[in-house]
Amino acid sequence: MHGATPTHAHLRSRISFVVVATLLLDAVASVLILLFERDAAATKITNFGDAVFWTSTQLLTVSSQLPNPISTPARVLDVFLQAYAISVVAVLAGSFGAFFHRRGVERDPLHLPSGAGPC
């Protein structure tokens, strides 16, 4: 967290963006899931706390003990949340892979800048 290279700054900015975007999505999706499900028959998402819990567990890809949504709009939102969560995991894995590759290149004393080579 204290690295000062541009490579560290790039990784920090990507992680910060993902965290902020996910927190915002969690808040918006919690409100939406409550609106979609609160009047559905036999739903277990009946208050904002349930909605936040359910949405957060979906975004963490761990699911929850609450049953899946019943209403069609809530099911569509559920699929979107799952796709988002899987995409975030892939983006973070790629970001860390790129970070380690760049740091390896930066530390390699034999690395030549692009375009430079033996004459």
PDB file of N, CA and C in Angstrom:
ATOM      1  N   MET A   1       0.809  -1.199   0.000  1.00  0.00           N
ATOM      2  CA  MET A   1       0.000   0.000   0.000  1.00  0.00           C
ATOM      3  C   MET A   1       0.853   1.263   0.000  1.00  0.00           C
ATOM      4  N   HIS A   2       2.143   1.115   0.311  1.00  0.00           N
ATOM      5  CA  HIS A   2       2.990   2.296   0.407  1.00  0.00           C
ATOM      6  C   HIS A   2       3.955   2.418  -0.764  1.00  0.00           C
ATOM      7  N   GLY A   3       3.849   1.528  -1.757  1.00  0.00           N
ATOM      8  CA  GLY A   3       4.735   1.620  -2.905  1.00  0.00           C
ATOM      9  C   GLY A   3       4.538   2.941  -3.633  1.00  0.00           C
ATOM     10  N   ALA A   4       5.629   3.507  -4.096  1.00  0.00           N
ATOM     11  CA  ALA A   4       5.561   4.845  -4.684  1.00  0.00           C
ATOM     12  C   ALA A   4       5.768   4.840  -6.200  1.00  0.00           C
ATOM     13  N   THR A   5       5.925   3.676  -6.813  1.00  0.00           N
ATOM     14  CA  THR A   5       6.152   3.660  -8.251  1.00  0.00           C
ATOM     15  C   THR A   5       4.842   3.901  -8.996  1.00  0.00           C
ATOM     16  N   PRO A   6       4.918   4.291 -10.256  1.00  0.00           N
ATOM     17  CA  PRO A   6       3.693   4.432 -11.054  1.00  0.00           C
ATOM     18  C   PRO A   6       2.919   3.112 -11.153  1.00  0.00           C
ATOM     19  N   THR A   7       3.620   2.004 -11.121  1.00  0.00           N
ATOM     20  CA  THR A   7       2.953   0.708 -11.167  1.00  0.00           C
ATOM     21  C   THR A   7       2.099   0.493  -9.925  1.00  0.00           C
ATOM     22  N   HIS A   8       2.622   0.866  -8.758  1.00  0.00           N
ATOM     23  CA  HIS A   8       1.840   0.771  -7.518  1.00  0.00           C
ATOM     24  C   HIS A   8       0.625   1.706  -7.580  1.00  0.00           C
ATOM     25  N   ALA A   9       0.837   2.906  -8.050  1.00  0.00           N
ATOM     26  CA  ALA A   9      -0.256   3.884  -8.137  1.00  0.00           C
ATOM     27  C   ALA A   9      -1.354   3.383  -9.073  1.00  0.00           C
ATOM     28  N   HIS A  10      -0.973   2.758 -10.170  1.00  0.00           N
ATOM     29  CA  HIS A  10      -1.941   2.227 -11.131  1.00  0.00           C
ATOM     30  C   HIS A  10      -2.784   1.126 -10.477  1.00  0.00           C
ATOM     31  N   LEU A  11      -2.132   0.221  -9.766  1.00  0.00           N
ATOM     32  CA  LEU A  11      -2.867  -0.856  -9.092  1.00  0.00           C
ATOM     33  C   LEU A  11      -3.794  -0.284  -8.024  1.00  0.00           C
ATOM     34  N   ARG A  12      -3.288   0.670  -7.228  1.00  0.00           N
ATOM     35  CA  ARG A  12      -4.129   1.293  -6.194  1.00  0.00           C
ATOM     36  C   ARG A  12      -5.351   1.966  -6.802  1.00  0.00           C
ATOM     37  N   SER A  13      -5.178   2.642  -7.926  1.00  0.00           N
ATOM     38  CA  SER A  13      -6.316   3.326  -8.543  1.00  0.00           C
ATOM     39  C   SER A  13      -7.344   2.326  -9.061  1.00  0.00           C
ATOM     40  N   ARG A  14      -6.883   1.213  -9.618  1.00  0.00           N
ATOM     41  CA  ARG A  14      -7.829   0.190 -10.089  1.00  0.00           C
ATOM     42  C   ARG A  14      -8.600  -0.421  -8.927  1.00  0.00           C
ATOM     43  N   ILE A  15      -7.896  -0.761  -7.854  1.00  0.00           N
ATOM     44  CA  ILE A  15      -8.562  -1.363  -6.702  1.00  0.00           C
ATOM     45  C   ILE A  15      -9.531  -0.365  -6.068  1.00  0.00           C
ATOM     46  N   SER A  16      -9.121   0.880  -5.946  1.00  0.00           N
ATOM     47  CA  SER A  16      -9.999   1.913  -5.377  1.00  0.00           C
ATOM     48  C   SER A  16     -11.262   2.071  -6.211  1.00  0.00           C
ATOM     49  N   PHE A  17     -11.112   2.090  -7.528  1.00  0.00           N
ATOM     50  CA  PHE A  17     -12.277   2.219  -8.406  1.00  0.00           C
ATOM     51  C   PHE A  17     -13.234   1.044  -8.221  1.00  0.00           C
ATOM     52  N   VAL A  18     -12.688  -0.165  -8.182  1.00  0.00           N
ATOM     53  CA  VAL A  18     -13.530  -1.352  -8.028  1.00  0.00           C
ATOM     54  C   VAL A  18     -14.255  -1.329  -6.684  1.00  0.00           C
ATOM     55  N   VAL A  19     -13.568  -0.946  -5.622  1.00  0.00           N
ATOM     56  CA  VAL A  19     -14.195  -0.906  -4.296  1.00  0.00           C
ATOM     57  C   VAL A  19     -15.321   0.130  -4.259  1.00  0.00           C
ATOM     58  N   VAL A  20     -15.056   1.327  -4.760  1.00  0.00           N
ATOM     59  CA  VAL A  20     -16.086   2.382  -4.750  1.00  0.00           C
ATOM     60  C   VAL A  20     -17.266   1.989  -5.636  1.00  0.00           C
ATOM     61  N   ALA A  21     -16.990   1.473  -6.824  1.00  0.00           N
ATOM     62  CA  ALA A  21     -18.070   1.061  -7.727  1.00  0.00           C
ATOM     63  C   ALA A  21     -18.911  -0.047  -7.100  1.00  0.00           C
ATOM     64  N   THR A  22     -18.271  -0.982  -6.432  1.00  0.00           N
ATOM     65  CA  THR A  22     -18.994  -2.089  -5.813  1.00  0.00           C
ATOM     66  C   THR A  22     -19.843  -1.610  -4.643  1.00  0.00           C
ATOM     67  N   LEU A  23     -19.316  -0.703  -3.834  1.00  0.00           N
ATOM     68  CA  LEU A  23     -20.108  -0.168  -2.726  1.00  0.00           C
ATOM     69  C   LEU A  23     -21.325   0.608  -3.234  1.00  0.00           C
ATOM     70  N   LEU A  24     -21.133   1.390  -4.275  1.00  0.00           N
ATOM     71  CA  LEU A  24     -22.268   2.120  -4.865  1.00  0.00           C
ATOM     72  C   LEU A  24     -23.296   1.161  -5.450  1.00  0.00           C
ATOM     73  N   LEU A  25     -22.819   0.151  -6.167  1.00  0.00           N
ATOM     74  CA  LEU A  25     -23.726  -0.843  -6.730  1.00  0.00           C
ATOM     75  C   LEU A  25     -24.473  -1.572  -5.626  1.00  0.00           C
ATOM     76  N   ASP A  26     -23.797  -1.902  -4.551  1.00  0.00           N
ATOM     77  CA  ASP A  26     -24.430  -2.577  -3.419  1.00  0.00           C
ATOM     78  C   ASP A  26     -25.575  -1.730  -2.866  1.00  0.00           C
ATOM     79  N   ALA A  27     -25.337  -0.446  -2.688  1.00  0.00           N
ATOM     80  CA  ALA A  27     -26.377   0.442  -2.152  1.00  0.00           C
ATOM     81  C   ALA A  27     -27.566   0.552  -3.102  1.00  0.00           C
ATOM     82  N   VAL A  28     -27.289   0.800  -4.379  1.00  0.00           N
ATOM     83  CA  VAL A  28     -28.375   0.952  -5.363  1.00  0.00           C
ATOM     84  C   VAL A  28     -29.139  -0.359  -5.533  1.00  0.00           C
ATOM     85  N   ALA A  29     -28.405  -1.470  -5.643  1.00  0.00           N
ATOM     86  CA  ALA A  29     -29.062  -2.765  -5.829  1.00  0.00           C
ATOM     87  C   ALA A  29     -29.875  -3.167  -4.600  1.00  0.00           C
ATOM     88  N   SER A  30     -29.425  -2.781  -3.415  1.00  0.00           N
ATOM     89  CA  SER A  30     -30.190  -3.089  -2.200  1.00  0.00           C
ATOM     90  C   SER A  30     -31.543  -2.387  -2.213  1.00  0.00           C
ATOM     91  N   VAL A  31     -31.545  -1.129  -2.619  1.00  0.00           N
ATOM     92  CA  VAL A  31     -32.807  -0.390  -2.712  1.00  0.00           C
ATOM     93  C   VAL A  31     -33.704  -1.023  -3.778  1.00  0.00           C
ATOM     94  N   LEU A  32     -33.106  -1.341  -4.937  1.00  0.00           N
ATOM     95  CA  LEU A  32     -33.898  -1.932  -6.022  1.00  0.00           C
ATOM     96  C   LEU A  32     -34.473  -3.292  -5.635  1.00  0.00           C
ATOM     97  N   ILE A  33     -33.673  -4.142  -5.017  1.00  0.00           N
ATOM     98  CA  ILE A  33     -34.167  -5.469  -4.664  1.00  0.00           C
ATOM     99  C   ILE A  33     -35.289  -5.366  -3.640  1.00  0.00           C
ATOM    100  N   LEU A  34     -35.185  -4.406  -2.735  1.00  0.00           N
ATOM    101  CA  LEU A  34     -36.271  -4.208  -1.766  1.00  0.00           C
ATOM    102  C   LEU A  34     -37.542  -3.737  -2.480  1.00  0.00           C
ATOM    103  N   LEU A  35     -37.401  -2.811  -3.409  1.00  0.00           N
ATOM    104  CA  LEU A  35     -38.572  -2.343  -4.162  1.00  0.00           C
ATOM    105  C   LEU A  35     -39.206  -3.469  -4.977  1.00  0.00           C
ATOM    106  N   PHE A  36     -38.386  -4.314  -5.577  1.00  0.00           N
ATOM    107  CA  PHE A  36     -38.902  -5.403  -6.404  1.00  0.00           C
ATOM    108  C   PHE A  36     -39.524  -6.527  -5.575  1.00  0.00           C
ATOM    109  N   GLU A  37     -38.988  -6.792  -4.408  1.00  0.00           N
ATOM    110  CA  GLU A  37     -39.368  -7.985  -3.658  1.00  0.00           C
ATOM    111  C   GLU A  37     -40.300  -7.736  -2.481  1.00  0.00           C
ATOM    112  N   ARG A  38     -40.384  -6.540  -1.977  1.00  0.00           N
ATOM    113  CA  ARG A  38     -41.092  -6.338  -0.702  1.00  0.00           C
ATOM    114  C   ARG A  38     -42.562  -6.759  -0.749  1.00  0.00           C
ATOM    115  N   ASP A  39     -43.195  -6.672  -1.909  1.00  0.00           N
ATOM    116  CA  ASP A  39     -44.609  -7.044  -2.003  1.00  0.00           C
ATOM    117  C   ASP A  39     -44.818  -8.393  -2.680  1.00  0.00           C
ATOM    118  N   ALA A  40     -43.728  -9.082  -3.037  1.00  0.00           N
ATOM    119  CA  ALA A  40     -43.865 -10.384  -3.690  1.00  0.00           C
ATOM    120  C   ALA A  40     -44.318 -11.427  -2.669  1.00  0.00           C
ATOM    121  N   ALA A  41     -45.156 -12.340  -3.131  1.00  0.00           N
ATOM    122  CA  ALA A  41     -45.654 -13.394  -2.234  1.00  0.00           C
ATOM    123  C   ALA A  41     -44.520 -14.343  -1.866  1.00  0.00           C
ATOM    124  N   ALA A  42     -44.444 -14.711  -0.608  1.00  0.00           N
ATOM    125  CA  ALA A  42     -43.483 -15.694  -0.094  1.00  0.00           C
ATOM    126  C   ALA A  42     -42.025 -15.249  -0.166  1.00  0.00           C
ATOM    127  N   THR A  43     -41.778 -13.966  -0.325  1.00  0.00           N
ATOM    128  CA  THR A  43     -40.386 -13.495  -0.345  1.00  0.00           C
ATOM    129  C   THR A  43     -39.844 -13.424   1.076  1.00  0.00           C
ATOM    130  N   LYS A  44     -38.557 -13.563   1.203  1.00  0.00           N
ATOM    131  CA  LYS A  44     -37.909 -13.439   2.506  1.00  0.00           C
ATOM    132  C   LYS A  44     -37.162 -12.105   2.630  1.00  0.00           C
ATOM    133  N   ILE A  45     -37.191 -11.294   1.575  1.00  0.00           N
ATOM    134  CA  ILE A  45     -36.553  -9.971   1.596  1.00  0.00           C
ATOM    135  C   ILE A  45     -37.661  -8.960   1.869  1.00  0.00           C
ATOM    136  N   THR A  46     -37.822  -8.621   3.141  1.00  0.00           N
ATOM    137  CA  THR A  46     -38.962  -7.788   3.528  1.00  0.00           C
ATOM    138  C   THR A  46     -38.564  -6.440   4.110  1.00  0.00           C
ATOM    139  N   ASN A  47     -37.261  -6.240   4.394  1.00  0.00           N
ATOM    140  CA  ASN A  47     -36.833  -4.947   4.929  1.00  0.00           C
ATOM    141  C   ASN A  47     -35.465  -4.598   4.343  1.00  0.00           C
ATOM    142  N   PHE A  48     -35.014  -3.390   4.613  1.00  0.00           N
ATOM    143  CA  PHE A  48     -33.754  -2.925   4.009  1.00  0.00           C
ATOM    144  C   PHE A  48     -32.559  -3.740   4.490  1.00  0.00           C
ATOM    145  N   GLY A  49     -32.562  -4.162   5.733  1.00  0.00           N
ATOM    146  CA  GLY A  49     -31.475  -4.989   6.247  1.00  0.00           C
ATOM    147  C   GLY A  49     -31.352  -6.298   5.479  1.00  0.00           C
ATOM    148  N   ASP A  50     -32.493  -6.940   5.216  1.00  0.00           N
ATOM    149  CA  ASP A  50     -32.486  -8.168   4.415  1.00  0.00           C
ATOM    150  C   ASP A  50     -31.951  -7.896   3.013  1.00  0.00           C
ATOM    151  N   ALA A  51     -32.371  -6.762   2.439  1.00  0.00           N
ATOM    152  CA  ALA A  51     -31.949  -6.413   1.076  1.00  0.00           C
ATOM    153  C   ALA A  51     -30.443  -6.176   1.011  1.00  0.00           C
ATOM    154  N   VAL A  52     -29.901  -5.460   1.990  1.00  0.00           N
ATOM    155  CA  VAL A  52     -28.452  -5.209   2.016  1.00  0.00           C
ATOM    156  C   VAL A  52     -27.694  -6.519   2.209  1.00  0.00           C
ATOM    157  N   PHE A  53     -28.172  -7.350   3.128  1.00  0.00           N
ATOM    158  CA  PHE A  53     -27.516  -8.629   3.383  1.00  0.00           C
ATOM    159  C   PHE A  53     -27.521  -9.491   2.120  1.00  0.00           C
ATOM    160  N   TRP A  54     -28.676  -9.633   1.493  1.00  0.00           N
ATOM    161  CA  TRP A  54     -28.788 -10.471   0.310  1.00  0.00           C
ATOM    162  C   TRP A  54     -27.914  -9.933  -0.826  1.00  0.00           C
ATOM    163  N   THR A  55     -27.976  -8.633  -1.081  1.00  0.00           N
ATOM    164  CA  THR A  55     -27.201  -8.033  -2.171  1.00  0.00           C
ATOM    165  C   THR A  55     -25.706  -8.164  -1.908  1.00  0.00           C
ATOM    166  N   SER A  56     -25.292  -7.907  -0.700  1.00  0.00           N
ATOM    167  CA  SER A  56     -23.865  -8.000  -0.368  1.00  0.00           C
ATOM    168  C   SER A  56     -23.343  -9.420  -0.546  1.00  0.00           C
ATOM    169  N   THR A  57     -24.118 -10.406  -0.114  1.00  0.00           N
ATOM    170  CA  THR A  57     -23.654 -11.783  -0.287  1.00  0.00           C
ATOM    171  C   THR A  57     -23.622 -12.181  -1.749  1.00  0.00           C
ATOM    172  N   GLN A  58     -24.533 -11.656  -2.556  1.00  0.00           N
ATOM    173  CA  GLN A  58     -24.488 -11.941  -3.995  1.00  0.00           C
ATOM    174  C   GLN A  58     -23.230 -11.329  -4.609  1.00  0.00           C
ATOM    175  N   LEU A  59     -22.901 -10.105  -4.220  1.00  0.00           N
ATOM    176  CA  LEU A  59     -21.708  -9.454  -4.762  1.00  0.00           C
ATOM    177  C   LEU A  59     -20.422 -10.120  -4.283  1.00  0.00           C
ATOM    178  N   LEU A  60     -20.457 -10.755  -3.131  1.00  0.00           N
ATOM    179  CA  LEU A  60     -19.288 -11.479  -2.629  1.00  0.00           C
ATOM    180  C   LEU A  60     -19.221 -12.890  -3.205  1.00  0.00           C
ATOM    181  N   THR A  61     -20.176 -13.247  -4.034  1.00  0.00           N
ATOM    182  CA  THR A  61     -20.309 -14.556  -4.682  1.00  0.00           C
ATOM    183  C   THR A  61     -20.377 -15.702  -3.684  1.00  0.00           C
ATOM    184  N   VAL A  62     -20.875 -15.448  -2.485  1.00  0.00           N
ATOM    185  CA  VAL A  62     -21.010 -16.511  -1.494  1.00  0.00           C
ATOM    186  C   VAL A  62     -22.464 -16.929  -1.299  1.00  0.00           C
ATOM    187  N   SER A  63     -23.393 -16.203  -1.894  1.00  0.00           N
ATOM    188  CA  SER A  63     -24.818 -16.438  -1.750  1.00  0.00           C
ATOM    189  C   SER A  63     -25.218 -16.263  -0.289  1.00  0.00           C
ATOM    190  N   SER A  64     -26.452 -16.539   0.052  1.00  0.00           N
ATOM    191  CA  SER A  64     -26.915 -16.349   1.426  1.00  0.00           C
ATOM    192  C   SER A  64     -27.941 -17.408   1.771  1.00  0.00           C
ATOM    193  N   GLN A  65     -28.361 -17.391   3.027  1.00  0.00           N
ATOM    194  CA  GLN A  65     -29.385 -18.345   3.415  1.00  0.00           C
ATOM    195  C   GLN A  65     -30.771 -17.887   2.968  1.00  0.00           C
ATOM    196  N   LEU A  66     -30.879 -16.649   2.494  1.00  0.00           N
ATOM    197  CA  LEU A  66     -32.159 -16.174   1.978  1.00  0.00           C
ATOM    198  C   LEU A  66     -32.403 -16.798   0.607  1.00  0.00           C
ATOM    199  N   PRO A  67     -33.641 -17.196   0.330  1.00  0.00           N
ATOM    200  CA  PRO A  67     -33.929 -17.788  -0.976  1.00  0.00           C
ATOM    201  C   PRO A  67     -33.743 -16.771  -2.097  1.00  0.00           C
ATOM    202  N   ASN A  68     -33.607 -17.282  -3.291  1.00  0.00           N
ATOM    203  CA  ASN A  68     -33.474 -16.415  -4.465  1.00  0.00           C
ATOM    204  C   ASN A  68     -34.729 -15.569  -4.624  1.00  0.00           C
ATOM    205  N   PRO A  69     -34.603 -14.447  -5.322  1.00  0.00           N
ATOM    206  CA  PRO A  69     -35.763 -13.570  -5.508  1.00  0.00           C
ATOM    207  C   PRO A  69     -36.889 -14.262  -6.273  1.00  0.00           C
ATOM    208  N   ILE A  70     -38.066 -13.725  -6.097  1.00  0.00           N
ATOM    209  CA  ILE A  70     -39.255 -14.311  -6.708  1.00  0.00           C
ATOM    210  C   ILE A  70     -39.703 -13.514  -7.929  1.00  0.00           C
ATOM    211  N   SER A  71     -39.661 -12.191  -7.844  1.00  0.00           N
ATOM    212  CA  SER A  71     -40.152 -11.356  -8.947  1.00  0.00           C
ATOM    213  C   SER A  71     -39.174 -11.357 -10.118  1.00  0.00           C
ATOM    214  N   THR A  72     -39.700 -11.182 -11.305  1.00  0.00           N
ATOM    215  CA  THR A  72     -38.868 -11.191 -12.514  1.00  0.00           C
ATOM    216  C   THR A  72     -37.820 -10.078 -12.513  1.00  0.00           C
ATOM    217  N   PRO A  73     -38.176  -8.816 -12.173  1.00  0.00           N
ATOM    218  CA  PRO A  73     -37.134  -7.787 -12.159  1.00  0.00           C
ATOM    219  C   PRO A  73     -36.015  -8.092 -11.158  1.00  0.00           C
ATOM    220  N   ALA A  74     -36.375  -8.669 -10.025  1.00  0.00           N
ATOM    221  CA  ALA A  74     -35.365  -9.016  -9.023  1.00  0.00           C
ATOM    222  C   ALA A  74     -34.464 -10.145  -9.522  1.00  0.00           C
ATOM    223  N   ARG A  75     -35.019 -11.073 -10.265  1.00  0.00           N
ATOM    224  CA  ARG A  75     -34.211 -12.155 -10.835  1.00  0.00           C
ATOM    225  C   ARG A  75     -33.238 -11.621 -11.878  1.00  0.00           C
ATOM    226  N   VAL A  76     -33.698 -10.682 -12.675  1.00  0.00           N
ATOM    227  CA  VAL A  76     -32.812 -10.055 -13.661  1.00  0.00           C
ATOM    228  C   VAL A  76     -31.674  -9.329 -12.939  1.00  0.00           C
ATOM    229  N   LEU A  77     -32.000  -8.610 -11.884  1.00  0.00           N
ATOM    230  CA  LEU A  77     -30.985  -7.928 -11.084  1.00  0.00           C
ATOM    231  C   LEU A  77     -30.010  -8.938 -10.474  1.00  0.00           C
ATOM    232  N   ASP A  78     -30.514 -10.067 -10.017  1.00  0.00           N
ATOM    233  CA  ASP A  78     -29.664 -11.116  -9.452  1.00  0.00           C
ATOM    234  C   ASP A  78     -28.651 -11.609 -10.479  1.00  0.00           C
ATOM    235  N   VAL A  79     -29.088 -11.854 -11.688  1.00  0.00           N
ATOM    236  CA  VAL A  79     -28.170 -12.304 -12.751  1.00  0.00           C
ATOM    237  C   VAL A  79     -27.118 -11.230 -13.020  1.00  0.00           C
ATOM    238  N   PHE A  80     -27.535  -9.966 -13.067  1.00  0.00           N
ATOM    239  CA  PHE A  80     -26.579  -8.878 -13.284  1.00  0.00           C
ATOM    240  C   PHE A  80     -25.547  -8.824 -12.148  1.00  0.00           C
ATOM    241  N   LEU A  81     -26.005  -8.950 -10.907  1.00  0.00           N
ATOM    242  CA  LEU A  81     -25.087  -8.903  -9.769  1.00  0.00           C
ATOM    243  C   LEU A  81     -24.078 -10.052  -9.823  1.00  0.00           C
ATOM    244  N   GLN A  82     -24.538 -11.230 -10.195  1.00  0.00           N
ATOM    245  CA  GLN A  82     -23.623 -12.368 -10.306  1.00  0.00           C
ATOM    246  C   GLN A  82     -22.600 -12.144 -11.418  1.00  0.00           C
ATOM    247  N   ALA A  83     -23.046 -11.631 -12.562  1.00  0.00           N
ATOM    248  CA  ALA A  83     -22.121 -11.346 -13.666  1.00  0.00           C
ATOM    249  C   ALA A  83     -21.109 -10.273 -13.258  1.00  0.00           C
ATOM    250  N   TYR A  84     -21.575  -9.260 -12.550  1.00  0.00           N
ATOM    251  CA  TYR A  84     -20.677  -8.213 -12.070  1.00  0.00           C
ATOM    252  C   TYR A  84     -19.635  -8.787 -11.122  1.00  0.00           C
ATOM    253  N   ALA A  85     -20.078  -9.619 -10.185  1.00  0.00           N
ATOM    254  CA  ALA A  85     -19.163 -10.185  -9.190  1.00  0.00           C
ATOM    255  C   ALA A  85     -18.089 -11.037  -9.856  1.00  0.00           C
ATOM    256  N   ILE A  86     -18.479 -11.857 -10.799  1.00  0.00           N
ATOM    257  CA  ILE A  86     -17.500 -12.691 -11.512  1.00  0.00           C
ATOM    258  C   ILE A  86     -16.546 -11.814 -12.315  1.00  0.00           C
ATOM    259  N   SER A  87     -17.056 -10.767 -12.933  1.00  0.00           N
ATOM    260  CA  SER A  87     -16.208  -9.848 -13.700  1.00  0.00           C
ATOM    261  C   SER A  87     -15.206  -9.131 -12.808  1.00  0.00           C
ATOM    262  N   VAL A  88     -15.632  -8.735 -11.625  1.00  0.00           N
ATOM    263  CA  VAL A  88     -14.726  -8.053 -10.692  1.00  0.00           C
ATOM    264  C   VAL A  88     -13.589  -8.978 -10.284  1.00  0.00           C
ATOM    265  N   VAL A  89     -13.900 -10.231 -10.016  1.00  0.00           N
ATOM    266  CA  VAL A  89     -12.855 -11.186  -9.650  1.00  0.00           C
ATOM    267  C   VAL A  89     -11.858 -11.317 -10.803  1.00  0.00           C
ATOM    268  N   ALA A  90     -12.349 -11.402 -12.027  1.00  0.00           N
ATOM    269  CA  ALA A  90     -11.460 -11.517 -13.189  1.00  0.00           C
ATOM    270  C   ALA A  90     -10.621 -10.248 -13.380  1.00  0.00           C
ATOM    271  N   VAL A  91     -11.226  -9.089 -13.213  1.00  0.00           N
ATOM    272  CA  VAL A  91     -10.495  -7.828 -13.356  1.00  0.00           C
ATOM    273  C   VAL A  91      -9.406  -7.710 -12.286  1.00  0.00           C
ATOM    274  N   LEU A  92      -9.733  -8.062 -11.069  1.00  0.00           N
ATOM    275  CA  LEU A  92      -8.728  -7.996 -10.005  1.00  0.00           C
ATOM    276  C   LEU A  92      -7.597  -8.990 -10.246  1.00  0.00           C
ATOM    277  N   ALA A  93      -7.919 -10.179 -10.697  1.00  0.00           N
ATOM    278  CA  ALA A  93      -6.869 -11.159 -10.996  1.00  0.00           C
ATOM    279  C   ALA A  93      -5.967 -10.643 -12.115  1.00  0.00           C
ATOM    280  N   GLY A  94      -6.556 -10.074 -13.152  1.00  0.00           N
ATOM    281  CA  GLY A  94      -5.765  -9.504 -14.235  1.00  0.00           C
ATOM    282  C   GLY A  94      -4.933  -8.320 -13.792  1.00  0.00           C
ATOM    283  N   SER A  95      -5.489  -7.491 -12.934  1.00  0.00           N
ATOM    284  CA  SER A  95      -4.757  -6.325 -12.436  1.00  0.00           C
ATOM    285  C   SER A  95      -3.544  -6.742 -11.616  1.00  0.00           C
ATOM    286  N   PHE A  96      -3.728  -7.744 -10.761  1.00  0.00           N
ATOM    287  CA  PHE A  96      -2.591  -8.225  -9.978  1.00  0.00           C
ATOM    288  C   PHE A  96      -1.555  -8.912 -10.867  1.00  0.00           C
ATOM    289  N   GLY A  97      -2.020  -9.656 -11.867  1.00  0.00           N
ATOM    290  CA  GLY A  97      -1.085 -10.280 -12.798  1.00  0.00           C
ATOM    291  C   GLY A  97      -0.263  -9.241 -13.538  1.00  0.00           C
ATOM    292  N   ALA A  98      -0.935  -8.190 -14.019  1.00  0.00           N
ATOM    293  CA  ALA A  98      -0.232  -7.114 -14.720  1.00  0.00           C
ATOM    294  C   ALA A  98       0.730  -6.387 -13.778  1.00  0.00           C
ATOM    295  N   PHE A  99       0.312  -6.190 -12.541  1.00  0.00           N
ATOM    296  CA  PHE A  99       1.168  -5.529 -11.559  1.00  0.00           C
ATOM    297  C   PHE A  99       2.451  -6.324 -11.343  1.00  0.00           C
ATOM    298  N   PHE A 100       2.327  -7.626 -11.101  1.00  0.00           N
ATOM    299  CA  PHE A 100       3.515  -8.440 -10.855  1.00  0.00           C
ATOM    300  C   PHE A 100       4.411  -8.520 -12.086  1.00  0.00           C
ATOM    301  N   HIS A 101       3.807  -8.561 -13.267  1.00  0.00           N
ATOM    302  CA  HIS A 101       4.611  -8.556 -14.487  1.00  0.00           C
ATOM    303  C   HIS A 101       5.395  -7.247 -14.621  1.00  0.00           C
ATOM    304  N   ARG A 102       4.712  -6.130 -14.438  1.00  0.00           N
ATOM    305  CA  ARG A 102       5.386  -4.822 -14.555  1.00  0.00           C
ATOM    306  C   ARG A 102       6.477  -4.648 -13.507  1.00  0.00           C
ATOM    307  N   ARG A 103       6.201  -5.090 -12.277  1.00  0.00           N
ATOM    308  CA  ARG A 103       7.226  -4.983 -11.231  1.00  0.00           C
ATOM    309  C   ARG A 103       8.426  -5.859 -11.554  1.00  0.00           C
ATOM    310  N   GLY A 104       8.192  -7.012 -12.137  1.00  0.00           N
ATOM    311  CA  GLY A 104       9.296  -7.879 -12.551  1.00  0.00           C
ATOM    312  C   GLY A 104      10.141  -7.226 -13.626  1.00  0.00           C
ATOM    313  N   VAL A 105       9.491  -6.572 -14.578  1.00  0.00           N
ATOM    314  CA  VAL A 105      10.213  -5.870 -15.643  1.00  0.00           C
ATOM    315  C   VAL A 105      10.985  -4.692 -15.060  1.00  0.00           C
ATOM    316  N   GLU A 106      10.383  -3.954 -14.129  1.00  0.00           N
ATOM    317  CA  GLU A 106      11.058  -2.809 -13.514  1.00  0.00           C
ATOM    318  C   GLU A 106      12.301  -3.240 -12.731  1.00  0.00           C
ATOM    319  N   ARG A 107      12.258  -4.402 -12.132  1.00  0.00           N
ATOM    320  CA  ARG A 107      13.379  -4.860 -11.306  1.00  0.00           C
ATOM    321  C   ARG A 107      14.456  -5.593 -12.096  1.00  0.00           C
ATOM    322  N   ASP A 108      14.166  -5.950 -13.328  1.00  0.00           N
ATOM    323  CA  ASP A 108      15.126  -6.699 -14.145  1.00  0.00           C
ATOM    324  C   ASP A 108      16.201  -5.753 -14.673  1.00  0.00           C
ATOM    325  N   PRO A 109      17.451  -5.911 -14.247  1.00  0.00           N
ATOM    326  CA  PRO A 109      18.501  -4.989 -14.691  1.00  0.00           C
ATOM    327  C   PRO A 109      18.837  -5.146 -16.177  1.00  0.00           C
ATOM    328  N   LEU A 110      18.467  -6.267 -16.774  1.00  0.00           N
ATOM    329  CA  LEU A 110      18.760  -6.488 -18.203  1.00  0.00           C
ATOM    330  C   LEU A 110      17.652  -6.005 -19.103  1.00  0.00           C
ATOM    331  N   HIS A 111      16.565  -5.532 -18.510  1.00  0.00           N
ATOM    332  CA  HIS A 111      15.444  -5.043 -19.304  1.00  0.00           C
ATOM    333  C   HIS A 111      15.834  -3.779 -20.061  1.00  0.00           C
ATOM    334  N   LEU A 112      15.572  -3.809 -21.355  1.00  0.00           N
ATOM    335  CA  LEU A 112      15.854  -2.641 -22.183  1.00  0.00           C
ATOM    336  C   LEU A 112      14.549  -1.948 -22.511  1.00  0.00           C
ATOM    337  N   PRO A 113      14.507  -0.631 -22.495  1.00  0.00           N
ATOM    338  CA  PRO A 113      13.271   0.063 -22.873  1.00  0.00           C
ATOM    339  C   PRO A 113      12.858  -0.345 -24.276  1.00  0.00           C
ATOM    340  N   SER A 114      11.580  -0.306 -24.555  1.00  0.00           N
ATOM    341  CA  SER A 114      11.106  -0.726 -25.873  1.00  0.00           C
ATOM    342  C   SER A 114      11.710   0.141 -26.972  1.00  0.00           C
ATOM    343  N   GLY A 115      12.096  -0.510 -28.018  1.00  0.00           N
ATOM    344  CA  GLY A 115      12.744   0.206 -29.125  1.00  0.00           C
ATOM    345  C   GLY A 115      14.257   0.258 -28.990  1.00  0.00           C
ATOM    346  N   ALA A 116      14.761   0.061 -27.796  1.00  0.00           N
ATOM    347  CA  ALA A 116      16.211   0.092 -27.607  1.00  0.00           C
ATOM    348  C   ALA A 116      16.736  -1.334 -27.700  1.00  0.00           C
ATOM    349  N   GLY A 117      17.779  -1.504 -28.349  1.00  0.00           N
ATOM    350  CA  GLY A 117      18.362  -2.830 -28.488  1.00  0.00           C
ATOM    351  C   GLY A 117      19.790  -2.717 -28.968  1.00  0.00           C
ATOM    352  N   PRO A 118      20.444  -3.856 -29.062  1.00  0.00           N
ATOM    353  CA  PRO A 118      21.825  -3.814 -29.534  1.00  0.00           C
ATOM    354  C   PRO A 118      21.891  -3.331 -30.980  1.00  0.00           C
ATOM    355  N   CYS A 119      22.924  -2.600 -31.288  1.00  0.00           N
ATOM    356  CA  CYS A 119      23.102  -2.074 -32.647  1.00  0.00           C
ATOM    357  C   CYS A 119      23.631  -3.107 -33.580  1.00  0.00           C
TER     358      CYS A 119
END
